[in-house]
């Protein structure tokens, strides 16, 4: 499979989900597929041509760094960026995240990660599904604590 496509509804306003993707302090709360893992660094320059780098550590101590460049930044609507693993230099894939609003209380996130490295040891589909479970818990927890 050369791409992963996932669609998920989040029972939060679109701005909260946007912030979860674009604010380093929030990215640090959810990024990475290991439920027992944690983000050690998140640097985001969220603008077309801006770069990002996120390093996260799995529960077993293994570190992973993804990095790339934002290609589309349409506030509250769409983020697109290149994706490269530090451990797999030279193979660039692409991520598109669309935020399809329903109303003030919910947003559907349409996600695609394409041009995946067929030699990669990363389980992309399972990894993103696990990551989005952490994202969902993060935005719901944030919503509860900010009300």
Protein backbone atom coordinates (compact mmCIF):
# COMPACT_ATOMS: atom_id res chain seq x y z
CA UNK A 1 0.00 0.00 0.00
CA UNK A 2 1.51 3.34 -1.04
CA UNK A 3 -0.86 5.55 0.94
CA UNK A 4 -2.96 5.68 4.08
CA UNK A 5 -6.33 7.44 4.05
CA UNK A 6 -8.32 7.93 7.24
CA UNK A 7 -11.39 9.98 8.08
CA UNK A 8 -12.38 10.66 11.67
CA UNK A 9 -14.96 12.84 13.41
CA UNK A 10 -13.89 14.87 16.45
CA UNK A 11 -16.52 16.24 18.80
CA UNK A 12 -14.69 19.56 19.22
CA UNK A 13 -14.72 22.90 17.40
CA UNK A 14 -12.51 23.03 14.32
CA UNK A 15 -10.16 25.58 15.88
CA UNK A 16 -9.25 23.12 18.66
CA UNK A 17 -8.33 20.42 16.18
CA UNK A 18 -6.38 22.95 14.09
CA UNK A 19 -4.48 24.01 17.22
CA UNK A 20 -3.64 20.38 17.97
CA UNK A 21 -1.82 20.19 14.63
CA UNK A 22 -0.21 23.64 14.68
CA UNK A 23 0.79 24.52 18.26
CA UNK A 24 3.97 22.80 19.51
CA UNK A 25 2.67 22.73 23.10
CA UNK A 26 -0.35 20.70 21.98
CA UNK A 27 1.52 18.50 19.46
CA UNK A 28 3.73 17.42 22.37
CA UNK A 29 0.66 15.97 24.10
CA UNK A 30 -0.39 13.53 21.38
CA UNK A 31 2.08 12.93 18.56
CA UNK A 32 3.55 9.46 18.04
CA UNK A 33 1.88 6.09 17.67
CA UNK A 34 3.04 4.38 20.90
CA UNK A 35 0.39 4.90 23.61
CA UNK A 36 3.23 4.80 26.17
CA UNK A 37 5.44 7.17 24.20
CA UNK A 38 6.08 10.87 24.52
CA UNK A 39 7.20 13.79 22.39
CA UNK A 40 10.62 15.14 23.34
CA UNK A 41 10.73 18.01 20.84
CA UNK A 42 8.28 19.76 18.52
CA UNK A 43 9.45 22.65 16.36
CA UNK A 44 6.80 24.00 13.98
CA UNK A 45 7.02 26.98 11.63
CA UNK A 46 3.44 26.71 10.34
CA UNK A 47 3.44 28.71 7.11
CA UNK A 48 3.93 27.75 3.46
CA UNK A 49 7.66 27.01 3.13
CA UNK A 50 8.09 26.72 6.90
CA UNK A 51 9.77 23.66 8.35
CA UNK A 52 8.86 21.33 11.19
CA UNK A 53 10.62 18.60 13.14
CA UNK A 54 9.01 16.38 15.77
CA UNK A 55 10.94 13.86 17.85
CA UNK A 56 9.08 11.28 19.88
CA UNK A 57 10.21 8.39 22.06
CA UNK A 58 8.40 5.07 22.25
CA UNK A 59 7.78 3.39 25.60
CA UNK A 60 10.86 1.19 24.99
CA UNK A 61 13.07 4.28 24.54
CA UNK A 62 13.36 4.14 20.74
CA UNK A 63 13.43 7.65 19.29
CA UNK A 64 11.89 8.70 15.97
CA UNK A 65 12.17 12.07 14.25
CA UNK A 66 9.98 13.20 11.38
CA UNK A 67 10.65 16.42 9.54
CA UNK A 68 9.49 18.31 6.52
CA UNK A 69 8.14 21.48 4.99
CA UNK A 70 4.63 22.92 5.00
CA UNK A 71 3.31 23.29 1.46
CA UNK A 72 -0.29 24.39 2.17
CA UNK A 73 -1.47 26.23 5.28
CA UNK A 74 -5.10 27.29 5.00
CA UNK A 75 -6.15 28.15 8.56
CA UNK A 76 -8.89 25.89 9.92
CA UNK A 77 -9.28 24.20 6.52
CA UNK A 78 -6.16 22.36 5.31
CA UNK A 79 -2.56 21.53 6.15
CA UNK A 80 -0.22 19.85 3.67
CA UNK A 81 3.40 19.04 4.32
CA UNK A 82 6.25 16.83 3.24
CA UNK A 83 7.29 14.02 5.56
CA UNK A 84 10.70 12.44 5.94
CA UNK A 85 12.00 10.16 8.65
CA UNK A 86 15.44 11.11 9.96
CA UNK A 87 16.16 7.35 9.89
CA UNK A 88 15.15 7.10 6.20
CA UNK A 89 16.82 10.09 4.54
CA UNK A 90 16.08 10.71 0.90
CA UNK A 91 12.53 9.33 0.83
CA UNK A 92 9.98 12.13 1.00
CA UNK A 93 6.29 11.39 1.40
CA UNK A 94 3.36 13.82 1.63
CA UNK A 95 0.62 14.42 4.20
CA UNK A 96 -2.69 16.22 3.65
CA UNK A 97 -5.00 17.01 6.56
CA UNK A 98 -8.37 18.56 5.76
CA UNK A 99 -10.71 19.91 8.42
CA UNK A 100 -14.31 19.60 7.23
CA UNK A 101 -16.53 21.54 9.62
CA UNK A 102 -20.00 20.38 10.54
CA UNK A 103 -20.84 22.94 13.21
CA UNK A 104 -19.28 24.57 16.27
CA UNK A 105 -19.24 21.27 18.13
CA UNK A 106 -17.62 18.96 15.63
CA UNK A 107 -15.21 18.59 12.77
CA UNK A 108 -14.33 15.75 10.44
CA UNK A 109 -10.65 15.30 9.76
CA UNK A 110 -9.79 13.81 6.38
CA UNK A 111 -6.19 12.54 6.39
CA UNK A 112 -3.95 11.14 3.67
CA UNK A 113 -0.29 10.13 3.86
CA UNK A 114 0.95 9.20 0.37
CA UNK A 115 4.12 8.13 -1.43
CA UNK A 116 5.06 5.90 1.48
CA UNK A 117 8.41 4.18 1.39
CA UNK A 118 7.73 0.51 0.54
CA UNK A 119 10.97 -0.47 2.36
CA UNK A 120 10.00 1.40 5.54
CA UNK A 121 9.79 -0.53 8.76
CA UNK A 122 7.03 1.78 9.98
CA UNK A 123 3.48 0.39 10.04
CA UNK A 124 1.83 3.53 8.75
CA UNK A 125 -1.86 2.63 8.91
CA UNK A 126 -1.71 1.12 12.41
CA UNK A 127 0.60 3.92 13.50
CA UNK A 128 -1.67 6.72 12.36
CA UNK A 129 -4.76 5.04 13.83
CA UNK A 130 -3.03 4.77 17.20
CA UNK A 131 -1.77 8.34 16.91
CA UNK A 132 -5.26 9.62 16.20
CA UNK A 133 -6.62 7.84 19.27
CA UNK A 134 -4.11 9.87 21.28
CA UNK A 135 -5.14 13.00 19.36
CA UNK A 136 -8.80 12.38 20.13
CA UNK A 137 -8.08 11.92 23.85
CA UNK A 138 -5.93 15.07 23.84
CA UNK A 139 -8.49 17.37 22.24
CA UNK A 140 -11.33 16.01 24.37
CA UNK A 141 -9.25 16.41 27.55
CA UNK A 142 -8.26 19.92 26.50
CA UNK A 143 -11.88 20.79 25.85
CA UNK A 144 -12.93 19.56 29.28
CA UNK A 145 -10.15 21.42 31.08
CA UNK A 146 -10.80 24.71 29.27
CA UNK A 147 -14.58 24.85 29.91
